[in-house]
PDB file of N, CA and C in Angstrom:
ATOM      1  N   MET A   1     -75.770 160.484   8.584  1.00  0.00           N
ATOM      2  CA  MET A   1     -76.832 159.797   8.615  1.00  0.00           C
ATOM      3  C   MET A   1     -77.802 159.561   9.530  1.00  0.00           C
ATOM      4  N   SER A   2     -79.041 160.077   9.738  1.00  0.00           N
ATOM      5  CA  SER A   2     -79.786 159.803  10.489  1.00  0.00           C
ATOM      6  C   SER A   2     -80.530 158.290  10.849  1.00  0.00           C
ATOM      7  N   PRO A   3     -80.981 157.818  11.660  1.00  0.00           N
ATOM      8  CA  PRO A   3     -81.299 156.546  12.000  1.00  0.00           C
ATOM      9  C   PRO A   3     -82.373 156.207  11.367  1.00  0.00           C
ATOM     10  N   ASN A   4     -82.943 155.183  10.918  1.00  0.00           N
ATOM     11  CA  ASN A   4     -84.304 154.403  10.670  1.00  0.00           C
ATOM     12  C   ASN A   4     -85.126 154.354  11.509  1.00  0.00           C
ATOM     13  N   TYR A   5     -85.178 154.797  12.463  1.00  0.00           N
ATOM     14  CA  TYR A   5     -86.274 154.471  13.670  1.00  0.00           C
ATOM     15  C   TYR A   5     -86.189 155.858  14.506  1.00  0.00           C
ATOM     16  N   ALA A   6     -87.227 155.819  15.250  1.00  0.00           N
ATOM     17  CA  ALA A   6     -87.447 157.008  16.346  1.00  0.00           C
ATOM     18  C   ALA A   6     -87.841 156.507  17.708  1.00  0.00           C
ATOM     19  N   ILE A   7     -87.401 156.588  19.007  1.00  0.00           N
ATOM     20  CA  ILE A   7     -87.933 156.129  20.178  1.00  0.00           C
ATOM     21  C   ILE A   7     -88.356 157.193  20.917  1.00  0.00           C
ATOM     22  N   ALA A   8     -89.607 157.006  21.537  1.00  0.00           N
ATOM     23  CA  ALA A   8     -89.958 158.193  22.460  1.00  0.00           C
ATOM     24  C   ALA A   8     -90.236 157.550  23.710  1.00  0.00           C
ATOM     25  N   HIS A   9     -90.336 158.505  24.624  1.00  0.00           N
ATOM     26  CA  HIS A   9     -90.773 157.695  26.223  1.00  0.00           C
ATOM     27  C   HIS A   9     -91.937 159.054  26.446  1.00  0.00           C
ATOM     28  N   LEU A  10     -93.179 158.506  26.366  1.00  0.00           N
ATOM     29  CA  LEU A  10     -94.408 159.378  26.569  1.00  0.00           C
ATOM     30  C   LEU A  10     -94.357 159.888  28.028  1.00  0.00           C
ATOM     31  N   ASP A  11     -93.890 159.052  28.910  1.00  0.00           N
ATOM     32  CA  ASP A  11     -93.929 159.835  30.030  1.00  0.00           C
ATOM     33  C   ASP A  11     -92.879 160.860  30.421  1.00  0.00           C
ATOM     34  N   GLU A  12     -92.225 161.024  29.549  1.00  0.00           N
ATOM     35  CA  GLU A  12     -91.171 161.927  29.600  1.00  0.00           C
ATOM     36  C   GLU A  12     -91.564 163.155  28.807  1.00  0.00           C
ATOM     37  N   ILE A  13     -92.266 163.375  28.226  1.00  0.00           N
ATOM     38  CA  ILE A  13     -93.050 164.307  27.222  1.00  0.00           C
ATOM     39  C   ILE A  13     -94.063 165.383  27.993  1.00  0.00           C
ATOM     40  N   SER A  14     -93.769 166.389  27.858  1.00  0.00           N
ATOM     41  CA  SER A  14     -94.911 167.472  28.510  1.00  0.00           C
ATOM     42  C   SER A  14     -96.121 167.291  27.847  1.00  0.00           C
ATOM     43  N   PRO A  15     -97.177 167.373  28.653  1.00  0.00           N
ATOM     44  CA  PRO A  15     -98.274 167.528  27.951  1.00  0.00           C
ATOM     45  C   PRO A  15     -98.756 168.597  27.591  1.00  0.00           C
ATOM     46  N   VAL A  16     -99.770 168.973  26.409  1.00  0.00           N
ATOM     47  CA  VAL A  16    -100.255 169.981  25.932  1.00  0.00           C
ATOM     48  C   VAL A  16    -101.581 170.028  25.825  1.00  0.00           C
ATOM     49  N   PRO A  17    -102.420 171.134  25.796  1.00  0.00           N
ATOM     50  CA  PRO A  17    -103.918 170.997  25.791  1.00  0.00           C
ATOM     51  C   PRO A  17    -104.215 170.357  24.250  1.00  0.00           C
ATOM     52  N   CYS A  18    -105.423 169.682  24.380  1.00  0.00           N
ATOM     53  CA  CYS A  18    -105.908 169.386  23.031  1.00  0.00           C
ATOM     54  C   CYS A  18    -107.583 169.505  23.373  1.00  0.00           C
ATOM     55  N   PRO A  19    -108.456 168.825  22.391  1.00  0.00           N
ATOM     56  CA  PRO A  19    -110.000 168.782  22.566  1.00  0.00           C
ATOM     57  C   PRO A  19    -110.516 167.971  23.614  1.00  0.00           C
ATOM     58  N   CYS A  20    -109.649 166.775  23.882  1.00  0.00           N
ATOM     59  CA  CYS A  20    -109.893 165.970  24.760  1.00  0.00           C
ATOM     60  C   CYS A  20    -109.241 166.077  26.292  1.00  0.00           C
ATOM     61  N   GLY A  21    -108.461 167.038  26.354  1.00  0.00           N
ATOM     62  CA  GLY A  21    -107.666 167.216  27.630  1.00  0.00           C
ATOM     63  C   GLY A  21    -106.688 167.648  27.847  1.00  0.00           C
ATOM     64  N   GLN A  22    -105.370 166.600  27.797  1.00  0.00           N
ATOM     65  CA  GLN A  22    -104.116 166.649  27.922  1.00  0.00           C
ATOM     66  C   GLN A  22    -103.611 165.707  27.293  1.00  0.00           C
ATOM     67  N   SER A  23    -102.760 166.095  26.341  1.00  0.00           N
ATOM     68  CA  SER A  23    -102.026 165.042  25.184  1.00  0.00           C
ATOM     69  C   SER A  23    -100.472 164.981  25.292  1.00  0.00           C
ATOM     70  N   ARG A  24     -99.525 163.933  25.448  1.00  0.00           N
ATOM     71  CA  ARG A  24     -98.167 163.804  25.152  1.00  0.00           C
ATOM     72  C   ARG A  24     -98.282 163.304  23.726  1.00  0.00           C
ATOM     73  N   ARG A  25     -97.534 164.236  22.810  1.00  0.00           N
ATOM     74  CA  ARG A  25     -97.449 163.515  21.683  1.00  0.00           C
ATOM     75  C   ARG A  25     -96.199 163.041  21.034  1.00  0.00           C
ATOM     76  N   ALA A  26     -96.152 162.202  20.631  1.00  0.00           N
ATOM     77  CA  ALA A  26     -94.541 161.624  20.002  1.00  0.00           C
ATOM     78  C   ALA A  26     -94.516 161.669  18.483  1.00  0.00           C
ATOM     79  N   PHE A  27     -93.702 161.861  18.215  1.00  0.00           N
ATOM     80  CA  PHE A  27     -92.844 161.702  16.584  1.00  0.00           C
ATOM     81  C   PHE A  27     -93.598 162.885  15.689  1.00  0.00           C
ATOM     82  N   VAL A  28     -94.040 164.023  16.146  1.00  0.00           N
ATOM     83  CA  VAL A  28     -94.454 165.160  15.630  1.00  0.00           C
ATOM     84  C   VAL A  28     -93.446 165.880  15.124  1.00  0.00           C
ATOM     85  N   THR A  29     -92.994 165.543  14.003  1.00  0.00           N
ATOM     86  CA  THR A  29     -91.848 166.563  13.430  1.00  0.00           C
ATOM     87  C   THR A  29     -92.015 166.468  11.960  1.00  0.00           C
ATOM     88  N   PRO A  30     -91.446 167.584  11.298  1.00  0.00           N
ATOM     89  CA  PRO A  30     -91.418 167.921  10.072  1.00  0.00           C
ATOM     90  C   PRO A  30     -91.249 166.724   9.124  1.00  0.00           C
ATOM     91  N   ASP A  31     -90.215 166.113   9.688  1.00  0.00           N
ATOM     92  CA  ASP A  31     -89.675 164.940   8.593  1.00  0.00           C
ATOM     93  C   ASP A  31     -90.292 163.514   8.920  1.00  0.00           C
ATOM     94  N   ASN A  32     -91.381 163.577   9.835  1.00  0.00           N
ATOM     95  CA  ASN A  32     -92.311 162.501   9.563  1.00  0.00           C
ATOM     96  C   ASN A  32     -93.686 162.637   9.263  1.00  0.00           C
ATOM     97  N   PRO A  33     -94.024 162.331   7.973  1.00  0.00           N
ATOM     98  CA  PRO A  33     -95.561 162.602   7.455  1.00  0.00           C
ATOM     99  C   PRO A  33     -96.115 160.961   7.941  1.00  0.00           C
ATOM    100  N   VAL A  34     -95.903 160.146   8.352  1.00  0.00           N
ATOM    101  CA  VAL A  34     -96.631 158.970   8.267  1.00  0.00           C
ATOM    102  C   VAL A  34     -97.517 158.696   9.488  1.00  0.00           C
ATOM    103  N   ALA A  35     -96.832 158.786  10.892  1.00  0.00           N
ATOM    104  CA  ALA A  35     -98.002 158.636  11.994  1.00  0.00           C
ATOM    105  C   ALA A  35     -97.485 159.455  12.968  1.00  0.00           C
ATOM    106  N   THR A  36     -98.184 159.510  14.016  1.00  0.00           N
ATOM    107  CA  THR A  36     -97.854 159.889  15.223  1.00  0.00           C
ATOM    108  C   THR A  36     -98.503 159.042  16.272  1.00  0.00           C
ATOM    109  N   ILE A  37     -98.132 159.135  17.614  1.00  0.00           N
ATOM    110  CA  ILE A  37     -98.638 158.538  18.619  1.00  0.00           C
ATOM    111  C   ILE A  37     -98.773 159.658  19.775  1.00  0.00           C
ATOM    112  N   HIS A  38    -100.056 159.759  20.674  1.00  0.00           N
ATOM    113  CA  HIS A  38    -100.370 160.542  21.682  1.00  0.00           C
ATOM    114  C   HIS A  38    -101.056 159.856  22.746  1.00  0.00           C
ATOM    115  N   LEU A  39    -100.531 160.200  23.992  1.00  0.00           N
ATOM    116  CA  LEU A  39    -101.147 159.515  25.346  1.00  0.00           C
ATOM    117  C   LEU A  39    -101.740 160.401  25.932  1.00  0.00           C
ATOM    118  N   VAL A  40    -103.394 160.307  25.884  1.00  0.00           N
ATOM    119  CA  VAL A  40    -104.336 161.548  26.458  1.00  0.00           C
ATOM    120  C   VAL A  40    -104.799 161.156  27.532  1.00  0.00           C
ATOM    121  N   ASP A  41    -105.076 161.936  28.324  1.00  0.00           N
ATOM    122  CA  ASP A  41    -105.747 162.306  29.756  1.00  0.00           C
ATOM    123  C   ASP A  41    -107.056 162.646  29.198  1.00  0.00           C
ATOM    124  N   ALA A  42    -108.076 162.405  29.055  1.00  0.00           N
ATOM    125  CA  ALA A  42    -109.250 163.109  29.087  1.00  0.00           C
ATOM    126  C   ALA A  42    -110.053 163.444  30.149  1.00  0.00           C
ATOM    127  N   ARG A  43    -110.688 164.789  29.838  1.00  0.00           N
ATOM    128  CA  ARG A  43    -111.364 165.303  31.075  1.00  0.00           C
ATOM    129  C   ARG A  43    -112.628 165.044  30.816  1.00  0.00           C
ATOM    130  N   VAL A  44    -113.768 165.387  31.600  1.00  0.00           N
ATOM    131  CA  VAL A  44    -115.226 164.958  31.673  1.00  0.00           C
ATOM    132  C   VAL A  44    -115.368 165.944  30.403  1.00  0.00           C
ATOM    133  N   ASP A  45    -115.145 167.372  30.089  1.00  0.00           N
ATOM    134  CA  ASP A  45    -116.005 168.332  29.385  1.00  0.00           C
ATOM    135  C   ASP A  45    -114.994 168.363  28.031  1.00  0.00           C
ATOM    136  N   THR A  46    -114.923 167.488  27.304  1.00  0.00           N
ATOM    137  CA  THR A  46    -114.259 167.112  26.028  1.00  0.00           C
ATOM    138  C   THR A  46    -115.122 167.980  25.072  1.00  0.00           C
ATOM    139  N   GLN A  47    -114.368 168.707  24.015  1.00  0.00           N
ATOM    140  CA  GLN A  47    -114.963 169.112  22.789  1.00  0.00           C
ATOM    141  C   GLN A  47    -115.119 168.388  21.382  1.00  0.00           C
ATOM    142  N   THR A  48    -116.254 168.475  20.788  1.00  0.00           N
ATOM    143  CA  THR A  48    -116.522 167.736  20.004  1.00  0.00           C
ATOM    144  C   THR A  48    -115.704 168.315  18.502  1.00  0.00           C
ATOM    145  N   HIS A  49    -115.299 167.567  18.066  1.00  0.00           N
ATOM    146  CA  HIS A  49    -114.220 168.096  16.799  1.00  0.00           C
ATOM    147  C   HIS A  49    -114.305 167.050  15.708  1.00  0.00           C
ATOM    148  N   TYR A  50    -113.791 167.449  14.610  1.00  0.00           N
ATOM    149  CA  TYR A  50    -113.176 166.378  13.653  1.00  0.00           C
ATOM    150  C   TYR A  50    -112.309 166.668  13.063  1.00  0.00           C
ATOM    151  N   HIS A  51    -111.739 165.953  11.651  1.00  0.00           N
ATOM    152  CA  HIS A  51    -110.562 166.127  11.127  1.00  0.00           C
ATOM    153  C   HIS A  51    -110.935 165.811   9.456  1.00  0.00           C
ATOM    154  N   LYS A  52    -110.044 166.726   8.826  1.00  0.00           N
ATOM    155  CA  LYS A  52    -110.720 166.581   7.203  1.00  0.00           C
ATOM    156  C   LYS A  52    -109.896 165.552   6.808  1.00  0.00           C
ATOM    157  N   LYS A  53    -108.468 165.402   7.203  1.00  0.00           N
ATOM    158  CA  LYS A  53    -107.518 164.480   6.583  1.00  0.00           C
ATOM    159  C   LYS A  53    -107.264 163.221   7.330  1.00  0.00           C
ATOM    160  N   LEU A  54    -107.353 163.670   8.947  1.00  0.00           N
ATOM    161  CA  LEU A  54    -106.497 162.660   9.566  1.00  0.00           C
ATOM    162  C   LEU A  54    -107.503 161.416   9.940  1.00  0.00           C
ATOM    163  N   THR A  55    -107.239 160.396  10.021  1.00  0.00           N
ATOM    164  CA  THR A  55    -107.673 158.755  10.586  1.00  0.00           C
ATOM    165  C   THR A  55    -107.206 158.769  11.873  1.00  0.00           C
ATOM    166  N   GLU A  56    -108.191 158.488  12.812  1.00  0.00           N
ATOM    167  CA  GLU A  56    -107.534 158.345  14.187  1.00  0.00           C
ATOM    168  C   GLU A  56    -107.996 156.822  14.786  1.00  0.00           C
ATOM    169  N   ILE A  57    -106.941 156.279  15.505  1.00  0.00           N
ATOM    170  CA  ILE A  57    -107.112 154.998  16.027  1.00  0.00           C
ATOM    171  C   ILE A  57    -106.857 155.110  17.982  1.00  0.00           C
ATOM    172  N   TYR A  58    -108.170 155.056  18.539  1.00  0.00           N
ATOM    173  CA  TYR A  58    -108.015 155.203  19.767  1.00  0.00           C
ATOM    174  C   TYR A  58    -107.671 153.815  20.351  1.00  0.00           C
ATOM    175  N   LEU A  59    -107.073 153.513  21.501  1.00  0.00           N
ATOM    176  CA  LEU A  59    -107.181 152.391  22.395  1.00  0.00           C
ATOM    177  C   LEU A  59    -107.101 152.968  23.857  1.00  0.00           C
ATOM    178  N   ILE A  60    -108.271 152.534  24.592  1.00  0.00           N
ATOM    179  CA  ILE A  60    -108.500 152.906  25.492  1.00  0.00           C
ATOM    180  C   ILE A  60    -107.852 152.243  26.524  1.00  0.00           C
ATOM    181  N   LEU A  61    -106.910 152.671  27.496  1.00  0.00           N
ATOM    182  CA  LEU A  61    -106.202 152.087  28.537  1.00  0.00           C
ATOM    183  C   LEU A  61    -106.874 152.041  29.858  1.00  0.00           C
ATOM    184  N   GLU A  62    -107.668 153.279  30.619  1.00  0.00           N
ATOM    185  CA  GLU A  62    -108.118 153.247  31.667  1.00  0.00           C
ATOM    186  C   GLU A  62    -109.349 153.761  31.845  1.00  0.00           C
ATOM    187  N   GLY A  63    -110.036 153.619  32.741  1.00  0.00           N
ATOM    188  CA  GLY A  63    -111.629 154.223  32.751  1.00  0.00           C
ATOM    189  C   GLY A  63    -112.380 153.947  31.826  1.00  0.00           C
ATOM    190  N   THR A  64    -113.458 154.302  32.353  1.00  0.00           N
ATOM    191  CA  THR A  64    -114.700 153.908  31.588  1.00  0.00           C
ATOM    192  C   THR A  64    -115.736 154.923  31.063  1.00  0.00           C
ATOM    193  N   GLY A  65    -116.450 154.911  30.037  1.00  0.00           N
ATOM    194  CA  GLY A  65    -117.084 156.106  29.419  1.00  0.00           C
ATOM    195  C   GLY A  65    -117.847 155.818  27.956  1.00  0.00           C
ATOM    196  N   HIS A  66    -117.875 157.034  27.402  1.00  0.00           N
ATOM    197  CA  HIS A  66    -118.355 156.840  25.924  1.00  0.00           C
ATOM    198  C   HIS A  66    -117.557 157.303  25.194  1.00  0.00           C
ATOM    199  N   MET A  67    -117.743 157.187  23.586  1.00  0.00           N
ATOM    200  CA  MET A  67    -117.212 158.103  22.625  1.00  0.00           C
ATOM    201  C   MET A  67    -118.629 158.277  21.781  1.00  0.00           C
ATOM    202  N   GLU A  68    -118.649 159.474  21.468  1.00  0.00           N
ATOM    203  CA  GLU A  68    -119.799 160.121  20.982  1.00  0.00           C
ATOM    204  C   GLU A  68    -119.074 160.321  19.441  1.00  0.00           C
ATOM    205  N   LEU A  69    -119.609 159.589  18.310  1.00  0.00           N
ATOM    206  CA  LEU A  69    -119.238 159.534  17.117  1.00  0.00           C
ATOM    207  C   LEU A  69    -120.533 159.839  16.093  1.00  0.00           C
ATOM    208  N   ASP A  70    -120.313 161.035  15.350  1.00  0.00           N
ATOM    209  CA  ASP A  70    -121.327 161.521  14.691  1.00  0.00           C
ATOM    210  C   ASP A  70    -122.621 161.731  15.427  1.00  0.00           C
ATOM    211  N   GLY A  71    -122.572 162.084  16.904  1.00  0.00           N
ATOM    212  CA  GLY A  71    -123.892 162.018  17.424  1.00  0.00           C
ATOM    213  C   GLY A  71    -124.491 160.939  18.024  1.00  0.00           C
ATOM    214  N   LEU A  72    -123.930 159.729  18.019  1.00  0.00           N
ATOM    215  CA  LEU A  72    -124.393 158.673  18.783  1.00  0.00           C
ATOM    216  C   LEU A  72    -123.317 158.052  19.788  1.00  0.00           C
ATOM    217  N   LEU A  73    -123.904 157.623  20.778  1.00  0.00           N
ATOM    218  CA  LEU A  73    -122.918 157.450  22.177  1.00  0.00           C
ATOM    219  C   LEU A  73    -122.403 155.889  21.838  1.00  0.00           C
ATOM    220  N   HIS A  74    -121.229 155.261  22.297  1.00  0.00           N
ATOM    221  CA  HIS A  74    -121.080 154.045  22.202  1.00  0.00           C
ATOM    222  C   HIS A  74    -119.920 153.797  23.642  1.00  0.00           C
ATOM    223  N   PRO A  75    -120.392 152.793  24.222  1.00  0.00           N
ATOM    224  CA  PRO A  75    -119.717 152.610  25.427  1.00  0.00           C
ATOM    225  C   PRO A  75    -118.312 152.125  24.991  1.00  0.00           C
ATOM    226  N   VAL A  76    -117.362 152.742  25.856  1.00  0.00           N
ATOM    227  CA  VAL A  76    -115.891 152.189  25.953  1.00  0.00           C
ATOM    228  C   VAL A  76    -115.266 151.705  27.369  1.00  0.00           C
ATOM    229  N   LYS A  77    -114.524 151.180  27.181  1.00  0.00           N
ATOM    230  CA  LYS A  77    -113.704 150.610  28.466  1.00  0.00           C
ATOM    231  C   LYS A  77    -112.073 150.067  28.101  1.00  0.00           C
ATOM    232  N   PRO A  78    -111.405 149.733  29.095  1.00  0.00           N
ATOM    233  CA  PRO A  78    -110.138 149.512  28.771  1.00  0.00           C
ATOM    234  C   PRO A  78    -110.043 148.215  27.460  1.00  0.00           C
ATOM    235  N   MET A  79    -109.273 148.397  26.522  1.00  0.00           N
ATOM    236  CA  MET A  79    -108.821 147.708  25.691  1.00  0.00           C
ATOM    237  C   MET A  79    -109.861 148.052  24.520  1.00  0.00           C
ATOM    238  N   SER A  80    -110.683 148.600  24.499  1.00  0.00           N
ATOM    239  CA  SER A  80    -111.778 149.007  23.354  1.00  0.00           C
ATOM    240  C   SER A  80    -110.748 149.703  22.549  1.00  0.00           C
ATOM    241  N   THR A  81    -110.868 149.731  21.074  1.00  0.00           N
ATOM    242  CA  THR A  81    -110.531 150.356  20.107  1.00  0.00           C
ATOM    243  C   THR A  81    -111.371 151.032  19.101  1.00  0.00           C
ATOM    244  N   VAL A  82    -111.315 152.118  18.718  1.00  0.00           N
ATOM    245  CA  VAL A  82    -111.824 152.757  17.961  1.00  0.00           C
ATOM    246  C   VAL A  82    -111.126 153.506  16.585  1.00  0.00           C
ATOM    247  N   LEU A  83    -111.842 153.370  15.698  1.00  0.00           N
ATOM    248  CA  LEU A  83    -111.572 153.874  14.236  1.00  0.00           C
ATOM    249  C   LEU A  83    -112.375 155.006  13.772  1.00  0.00           C
ATOM    250  N   ILE A  84    -111.583 156.253  13.913  1.00  0.00           N
ATOM    251  CA  ILE A  84    -112.171 157.605  13.646  1.00  0.00           C
ATOM    252  C   ILE A  84    -111.642 157.987  11.920  1.00  0.00           C
ATOM    253  N   LYS A  85    -112.942 157.656  11.049  1.00  0.00           N
ATOM    254  CA  LYS A  85    -112.151 158.506   9.640  1.00  0.00           C
ATOM    255  C   LYS A  85    -112.585 159.869   9.751  1.00  0.00           C
ATOM    256  N   PRO A  86    -112.006 160.720   8.737  1.00  0.00           N
ATOM    257  CA  PRO A  86    -111.808 161.905   8.623  1.00  0.00           C
ATOM    258  C   PRO A  86    -113.539 162.080   8.083  1.00  0.00           C
ATOM    259  N   GLY A  87    -113.868 163.350   9.112  1.00  0.00           N
ATOM    260  CA  GLY A  87    -114.977 163.964   8.812  1.00  0.00           C
ATOM    261  C   GLY A  87    -116.025 163.574   9.906  1.00  0.00           C
ATOM    262  N   CYS A  88    -115.702 162.409  10.688  1.00  0.00           N
ATOM    263  CA  CYS A  88    -116.487 161.977  11.677  1.00  0.00           C
ATOM    264  C   CYS A  88    -116.413 163.080  12.940  1.00  0.00           C
ATOM    265  N   ARG A  89    -117.315 163.592  13.314  1.00  0.00           N
ATOM    266  CA  ARG A  89    -117.675 164.400  14.529  1.00  0.00           C
ATOM    267  C   ARG A  89    -117.539 163.600  15.678  1.00  0.00           C
ATOM    268  N   HIS A  90    -116.566 164.089  16.446  1.00  0.00           N
ATOM    269  CA  HIS A  90    -116.410 162.957  17.696  1.00  0.00           C
ATOM    270  C   HIS A  90    -115.760 163.573  19.073  1.00  0.00           C
ATOM    271  N   ARG A  91    -115.996 162.910  20.073  1.00  0.00           N
ATOM    272  CA  ARG A  91    -115.386 163.655  21.449  1.00  0.00           C
ATOM    273  C   ARG A  91    -115.627 162.079  22.385  1.00  0.00           C
ATOM    274  N   ILE A  92    -114.810 162.231  23.341  1.00  0.00           N
ATOM    275  CA  ILE A  92    -114.892 161.164  24.404  1.00  0.00           C
ATOM    276  C   ILE A  92    -115.524 161.430  26.033  1.00  0.00           C
ATOM    277  N   ILE A  93    -116.412 160.959  26.547  1.00  0.00           N
ATOM    278  CA  ILE A  93    -116.861 161.334  27.393  1.00  0.00           C
ATOM    279  C   ILE A  93    -116.637 160.441  28.921  1.00  0.00           C
ATOM    280  N   GLY A  94    -115.836 160.943  29.654  1.00  0.00           N
ATOM    281  CA  GLY A  94    -115.629 160.345  31.035  1.00  0.00           C
ATOM    282  C   GLY A  94    -113.848 160.669  31.049  1.00  0.00           C
ATOM    283  N   ARG A  95    -113.656 160.207  32.456  1.00  0.00           N
ATOM    284  CA  ARG A  95    -112.176 160.368  32.648  1.00  0.00           C
ATOM    285  C   ARG A  95    -111.555 159.122  32.181  1.00  0.00           C
ATOM    286  N   ILE A  96    -110.683 159.448  31.042  1.00  0.00           N
ATOM    287  CA  ILE A  96    -109.994 158.047  30.660  1.00  0.00           C
ATOM    288  C   ILE A  96    -108.871 158.387  29.847  1.00  0.00           C
ATOM    289  N   LYS A  97    -107.904 157.567  30.047  1.00  0.00           N
ATOM    290  CA  LYS A  97    -106.855 157.663  29.394  1.00  0.00           C
ATOM    291  C   LYS A  97    -106.589 156.190  28.309  1.00  0.00           C
ATOM    292  N   PHE A  98    -106.329 156.987  27.124  1.00  0.00           N
ATOM    293  CA  PHE A  98    -106.227 156.354  25.744  1.00  0.00           C
ATOM    294  C   PHE A  98    -105.017 156.745  24.852  1.00  0.00           C
ATOM    295  N   VAL A  99    -104.485 156.002  23.990  1.00  0.00           N
ATOM    296  CA  VAL A  99    -103.587 155.979  22.931  1.00  0.00           C
ATOM    297  C   VAL A  99    -104.199 156.737  21.768  1.00  0.00           C
ATOM    298  N   ASN A 100    -103.960 157.471  21.150  1.00  0.00           N
ATOM    299  CA  ASN A 100    -104.393 157.913  19.816  1.00  0.00           C
ATOM    300  C   ASN A 100    -103.455 157.853  19.023  1.00  0.00           C
ATOM    301  N   ILE A 101    -103.903 157.354  17.739  1.00  0.00           N
ATOM    302  CA  ILE A 101    -102.675 157.326  16.576  1.00  0.00           C
ATOM    303  C   ILE A 101    -103.079 157.624  15.503  1.00  0.00           C
ATOM    304  N   PRO A 102    -102.998 159.358  15.231  1.00  0.00           N
ATOM    305  CA  PRO A 102    -103.094 159.747  13.804  1.00  0.00           C
ATOM    306  C   PRO A 102    -102.310 159.186  12.598  1.00  0.00           C
ATOM    307  N   VAL A 103    -103.168 159.157  11.793  1.00  0.00           N
ATOM    308  CA  VAL A 103    -102.582 158.478  10.255  1.00  0.00           C
ATOM    309  C   VAL A 103    -103.459 159.498   9.325  1.00  0.00           C
ATOM    310  N   PRO A 104    -102.776 160.424   8.366  1.00  0.00           N
ATOM    311  CA  PRO A 104    -101.383 160.494   8.700  1.00  0.00           C
ATOM    312  C   PRO A 104    -100.763 161.152   9.967  1.00  0.00           C
ATOM    313  N   ALA A 105     -99.069 161.639  10.015  1.00  0.00           N
ATOM    314  CA  ALA A 105     -98.952 162.270  11.359  1.00  0.00           C
ATOM    315  C   ALA A 105    -100.228 163.560  11.725  1.00  0.00           C
ATOM    316  N   PHE A 106    -100.186 163.926  12.900  1.00  0.00           N
ATOM    317  CA  PHE A 106    -100.747 164.990  13.292  1.00  0.00           C
ATOM    318  C   PHE A 106    -100.606 166.055  12.810  1.00  0.00           C
ATOM    319  N   ASP A 107    -101.453 166.916  12.677  1.00  0.00           N
ATOM    320  CA  ASP A 107    -101.312 168.463  11.987  1.00  0.00           C
ATOM    321  C   ASP A 107    -102.531 169.075  12.685  1.00  0.00           C
ATOM    322  N   PRO A 108    -101.840 170.205  13.384  1.00  0.00           N
ATOM    323  CA  PRO A 108    -102.790 170.885  14.425  1.00  0.00           C
ATOM    324  C   PRO A 108    -103.548 171.777  13.566  1.00  0.00           C
ATOM    325  N   HIS A 109    -103.376 171.864  12.291  1.00  0.00           N
ATOM    326  CA  HIS A 109    -104.373 172.959  11.499  1.00  0.00           C
ATOM    327  C   HIS A 109    -105.452 171.779  11.123  1.00  0.00           C
ATOM    328  N   ASP A 110    -105.754 170.587  11.395  1.00  0.00           N
ATOM    329  CA  ASP A 110    -106.492 169.850  11.160  1.00  0.00           C
ATOM    330  C   ASP A 110    -107.549 169.499  11.813  1.00  0.00           C
ATOM    331  N   GLU A 111    -107.853 170.497  13.151  1.00  0.00           N
ATOM    332  CA  GLU A 111    -108.588 170.402  13.850  1.00  0.00           C
ATOM    333  C   GLU A 111    -109.683 171.404  13.730  1.00  0.00           C
ATOM    334  N   TRP A 112    -111.054 170.795  13.662  1.00  0.00           N
ATOM    335  CA  TRP A 112    -111.993 171.665  13.127  1.00  0.00           C
ATOM    336  C   TRP A 112    -113.020 171.641  14.192  1.00  0.00           C
ATOM    337  N   PHE A 113    -113.866 172.466  14.254  1.00  0.00           N
ATOM    338  CA  PHE A 113    -115.354 172.528  15.308  1.00  0.00           C
ATOM    339  C   PHE A 113    -116.228 173.225  14.720  1.00  0.00           C
ATOM    340  N   ASP A 114    -117.478 172.780  14.770  1.00  0.00           N
ATOM    341  CA  ASP A 114    -118.509 173.062  14.185  1.00  0.00           C
ATOM    342  C   ASP A 114    -119.189 174.611  15.103  1.00  0.00           C
TER     343      ASP A 114
END
């Protein structure tokens, strides 16, 4: 019987490219439809994108910059949080480290670009 929990060490997960830069993704498994958690190192030239199904929650850890949400710029700094609903075109601007919690669990087929 498998345990009723999971533990991940984000610093031990290899980063993968994402529209915002590099992401270390935990709990992205077929048996977990609930939520995932990503540690993202954003680069300056991030891509505007959206999701049709996912809601994302960002928690800014390091750096300052802006979130572009449906074309409007909003300043962000450490401990800023952002709730991004399905259909919201978004990108982060600046060299920023943040936690991203997609709900339901991250699906790489739900990244859309105009």
